[in-house]
Structure formats: C-alpha cells, structure tokens
Amino acid sequence: MLEPLQPVFIVATLAFMGFAVHRLYRKPRECEAGEACAVPAVLRRQRIAFWIVAAIIAAMASFPLLSPLLY
C-alpha cells in the first residue's frame, strides 16, 4: 500500500538527517553560559545518539533490498 511512496520517504529521511548533521556539526552553538547546550558532554551525547539512530535508519532502509537474502 505505501510501497510506491518509499522513495519519497527515503528522500524526506535523508533531508531530515542532513538537517541534523547541519545542526550538530556545522551551525555554531548559540548558548549562554550555564545552559545545558553549553556543556560539551551534552553535544557529545547528542552526536552519539545521532549516529546510533542513523545506523538504525540505514538498517531499516536497506531491509527491503536485503530481505531476499534472508530466505
């Protein structure tokens, strides 16, 4: 039912992931001293969470291509 829309969903996912990369790595932080975003450990945890989610998304997106190999 939603299979014809799969390319649209993949493109939207890649766009959101690109936006997340931009926010995590490219855009300079605008934080006041004492805020949570000013703590380096918070940024490190956000980047780790991003890459974990990116791996899960990659596995889910590639599953339709690799599922015939599992039969």
N, C-alpha and C. Protein backbone atom coordinates (compact mmCIF):
# COMPACT_ATOMS: atom_id res chain seq x y z
N MET A 1 0.81 -1.19 0.00
CA MET A 1 0.00 0.00 0.00
C MET A 1 0.87 1.27 0.00
N LEU A 2 1.85 1.35 0.86
CA LEU A 2 2.73 2.51 0.90
C LEU A 2 4.03 2.30 0.14
N GLU A 3 4.20 1.13 -0.46
CA GLU A 3 5.44 0.83 -1.16
C GLU A 3 5.76 1.81 -2.29
N PRO A 4 4.79 2.29 -3.05
CA PRO A 4 5.13 3.27 -4.09
C PRO A 4 5.69 4.58 -3.53
N LEU A 5 5.39 4.88 -2.27
CA LEU A 5 5.87 6.11 -1.65
C LEU A 5 7.22 5.95 -0.95
N GLN A 6 7.78 4.76 -0.99
CA GLN A 6 9.04 4.50 -0.30
C GLN A 6 10.16 5.46 -0.73
N PRO A 7 10.35 5.75 -2.01
CA PRO A 7 11.40 6.71 -2.38
C PRO A 7 11.17 8.10 -1.79
N VAL A 8 9.92 8.51 -1.70
CA VAL A 8 9.61 9.82 -1.11
C VAL A 8 10.00 9.83 0.36
N PHE A 9 9.68 8.76 1.08
CA PHE A 9 10.02 8.67 2.50
C PHE A 9 11.54 8.63 2.70
N ILE A 10 12.24 7.95 1.82
CA ILE A 10 13.70 7.89 1.94
C ILE A 10 14.32 9.26 1.70
N VAL A 11 13.82 9.97 0.70
CA VAL A 11 14.34 11.32 0.43
C VAL A 11 14.05 12.25 1.60
N ALA A 12 12.84 12.17 2.16
CA ALA A 12 12.50 13.00 3.32
C ALA A 12 13.39 12.66 4.51
N THR A 13 13.64 11.38 4.72
CA THR A 13 14.52 10.96 5.82
C THR A 13 15.92 11.49 5.62
N LEU A 14 16.44 11.40 4.41
CA LEU A 14 17.78 11.93 4.13
C LEU A 14 17.84 13.44 4.32
N ALA A 15 16.76 14.13 3.97
CA ALA A 15 16.73 15.59 4.18
C ALA A 15 16.77 15.91 5.67
N PHE A 16 15.99 15.19 6.47
CA PHE A 16 15.99 15.43 7.92
C PHE A 16 17.34 15.05 8.53
N MET A 17 17.95 14.00 8.05
CA MET A 17 19.26 13.61 8.57
C MET A 17 20.31 14.67 8.19
N GLY A 18 20.21 15.20 6.99
CA GLY A 18 21.11 16.28 6.59
C GLY A 18 20.94 17.51 7.46
N PHE A 19 19.70 17.83 7.80
CA PHE A 19 19.43 18.95 8.70
C PHE A 19 20.04 18.69 10.07
N ALA A 20 19.93 17.45 10.56
CA ALA A 20 20.51 17.10 11.85
C ALA A 20 22.04 17.22 11.82
N VAL A 21 22.66 16.78 10.73
CA VAL A 21 24.12 16.92 10.60
C VAL A 21 24.50 18.39 10.61
N HIS A 22 23.74 19.19 9.90
CA HIS A 22 24.00 20.63 9.87
C HIS A 22 23.93 21.22 11.28
N ARG A 23 22.90 20.85 12.04
CA ARG A 23 22.73 21.40 13.40
C ARG A 23 23.80 20.88 14.35
N LEU A 24 24.24 19.63 14.18
CA LEU A 24 25.20 19.05 15.11
C LEU A 24 26.65 19.41 14.79
N TYR A 25 26.97 19.59 13.52
CA TYR A 25 28.37 19.76 13.13
C TYR A 25 28.70 21.10 12.48
N ARG A 26 27.77 21.71 11.79
CA ARG A 26 28.09 22.92 11.01
C ARG A 26 27.70 24.22 11.71
N LYS A 27 26.49 24.28 12.22
CA LYS A 27 25.97 25.51 12.80
C LYS A 27 26.62 25.77 14.15
N PRO A 28 27.17 26.97 14.34
CA PRO A 28 27.76 27.26 15.65
C PRO A 28 26.69 27.33 16.74
N ARG A 29 27.07 26.87 17.91
CA ARG A 29 26.16 26.87 19.06
C ARG A 29 25.94 28.29 19.55
N GLU A 30 24.71 28.62 19.87
CA GLU A 30 24.37 29.92 20.44
C GLU A 30 23.81 29.68 21.84
N CYS A 31 24.71 29.55 22.81
CA CYS A 31 24.30 29.22 24.17
C CYS A 31 24.84 30.25 25.15
N GLU A 32 24.06 30.47 26.16
CA GLU A 32 24.52 31.28 27.29
C GLU A 32 25.31 30.38 28.22
N ALA A 33 26.22 30.97 28.98
CA ALA A 33 26.97 30.19 29.96
C ALA A 33 26.00 29.64 31.01
N GLY A 34 26.17 28.37 31.34
CA GLY A 34 25.31 27.73 32.33
C GLY A 34 24.14 26.97 31.74
N GLU A 35 23.85 27.14 30.46
CA GLU A 35 22.77 26.38 29.83
C GLU A 35 23.27 24.98 29.49
N ALA A 36 22.33 24.07 29.31
CA ALA A 36 22.69 22.68 29.03
C ALA A 36 23.44 22.55 27.70
N CYS A 37 23.09 23.36 26.71
CA CYS A 37 23.74 23.23 25.41
C CYS A 37 25.19 23.73 25.43
N ALA A 38 25.59 24.43 26.47
CA ALA A 38 26.97 24.90 26.58
C ALA A 38 27.91 23.84 27.13
N VAL A 39 27.37 22.74 27.64
CA VAL A 39 28.18 21.68 28.22
C VAL A 39 28.66 20.76 27.09
N PRO A 40 29.97 20.55 26.94
CA PRO A 40 30.47 19.70 25.85
C PRO A 40 29.97 18.26 25.90
N ALA A 41 29.70 17.73 27.08
CA ALA A 41 29.21 16.36 27.20
C ALA A 41 27.83 16.21 26.57
N VAL A 42 27.03 17.25 26.62
CA VAL A 42 25.69 17.19 26.02
C VAL A 42 25.80 17.07 24.51
N LEU A 43 26.67 17.87 23.90
CA LEU A 43 26.87 17.79 22.45
C LEU A 43 27.41 16.42 22.06
N ARG A 44 28.33 15.88 22.83
CA ARG A 44 28.89 14.56 22.54
C ARG A 44 27.79 13.49 22.60
N ARG A 45 26.94 13.55 23.62
CA ARG A 45 25.83 12.58 23.72
C ARG A 45 24.85 12.73 22.56
N GLN A 46 24.59 13.96 22.14
CA GLN A 46 23.70 14.18 21.01
C GLN A 46 24.27 13.59 19.73
N ARG A 47 25.58 13.75 19.54
CA ARG A 47 26.22 13.19 18.34
C ARG A 47 26.22 11.67 18.38
N ILE A 48 26.47 11.09 19.54
CA ILE A 48 26.43 9.62 19.67
C ILE A 48 25.02 9.11 19.38
N ALA A 49 24.01 9.77 19.94
CA ALA A 49 22.63 9.36 19.69
C ALA A 49 22.28 9.50 18.21
N PHE A 50 22.77 10.55 17.58
CA PHE A 50 22.51 10.74 16.15
C PHE A 50 23.06 9.57 15.34
N TRP A 51 24.31 9.17 15.61
CA TRP A 51 24.91 8.10 14.82
C TRP A 51 24.27 6.75 15.10
N ILE A 52 23.79 6.53 16.32
CA ILE A 52 23.06 5.29 16.61
C ILE A 52 21.76 5.27 15.82
N VAL A 53 21.04 6.38 15.83
CA VAL A 53 19.79 6.47 15.07
C VAL A 53 20.05 6.36 13.58
N ALA A 54 21.14 6.96 13.09
CA ALA A 54 21.48 6.86 11.67
C ALA A 54 21.74 5.42 11.26
N ALA A 55 22.41 4.65 12.12
CA ALA A 55 22.65 3.23 11.82
C ALA A 55 21.34 2.45 11.78
N ILE A 56 20.44 2.75 12.70
CA ILE A 56 19.14 2.07 12.71
C ILE A 56 18.35 2.42 11.46
N ILE A 57 18.37 3.69 11.07
CA ILE A 57 17.66 4.11 9.86
C ILE A 57 18.25 3.44 8.63
N ALA A 58 19.58 3.36 8.56
CA ALA A 58 20.22 2.70 7.42
C ALA A 58 19.82 1.22 7.35
N ALA A 59 19.77 0.56 8.49
CA ALA A 59 19.37 -0.85 8.52
C ALA A 59 17.92 -1.00 8.07
N MET A 60 17.06 -0.11 8.54
CA MET A 60 15.64 -0.20 8.16
C MET A 60 15.43 0.13 6.69
N ALA A 61 16.17 1.09 6.16
CA ALA A 61 16.01 1.47 4.76
C ALA A 61 16.56 0.40 3.82
N SER A 62 17.58 -0.33 4.26
CA SER A 62 18.17 -1.35 3.39
C SER A 62 17.49 -2.71 3.55
N PHE A 63 16.63 -2.86 4.52
CA PHE A 63 15.99 -4.15 4.76
C PHE A 63 15.22 -4.67 3.54
N PRO A 64 14.43 -3.84 2.84
CA PRO A 64 13.73 -4.37 1.66
C PRO A 64 14.68 -4.90 0.58
N LEU A 65 15.85 -4.34 0.50
CA LEU A 65 16.82 -4.79 -0.51
C LEU A 65 17.50 -6.09 -0.08
N LEU A 66 17.74 -6.22 1.22
CA LEU A 66 18.49 -7.38 1.73
C LEU A 66 17.61 -8.52 2.20
N SER A 67 16.31 -8.30 2.36
CA SER A 67 15.43 -9.34 2.88
C SER A 67 15.39 -10.60 2.00
N PRO A 68 15.50 -10.51 0.67
CA PRO A 68 15.51 -11.76 -0.11
C PRO A 68 16.69 -12.66 0.22
N LEU A 69 17.78 -12.08 0.71
CA LEU A 69 18.95 -12.89 1.07
C LEU A 69 18.72 -13.69 2.35
N LEU A 70 17.73 -13.30 3.13
CA LEU A 70 17.45 -13.98 4.40
C LEU A 70 16.56 -15.22 4.23
N TYR A 71 15.98 -15.37 3.06
CA TYR A 71 15.07 -16.52 2.86
C TYR A 71 15.84 -17.78 2.58
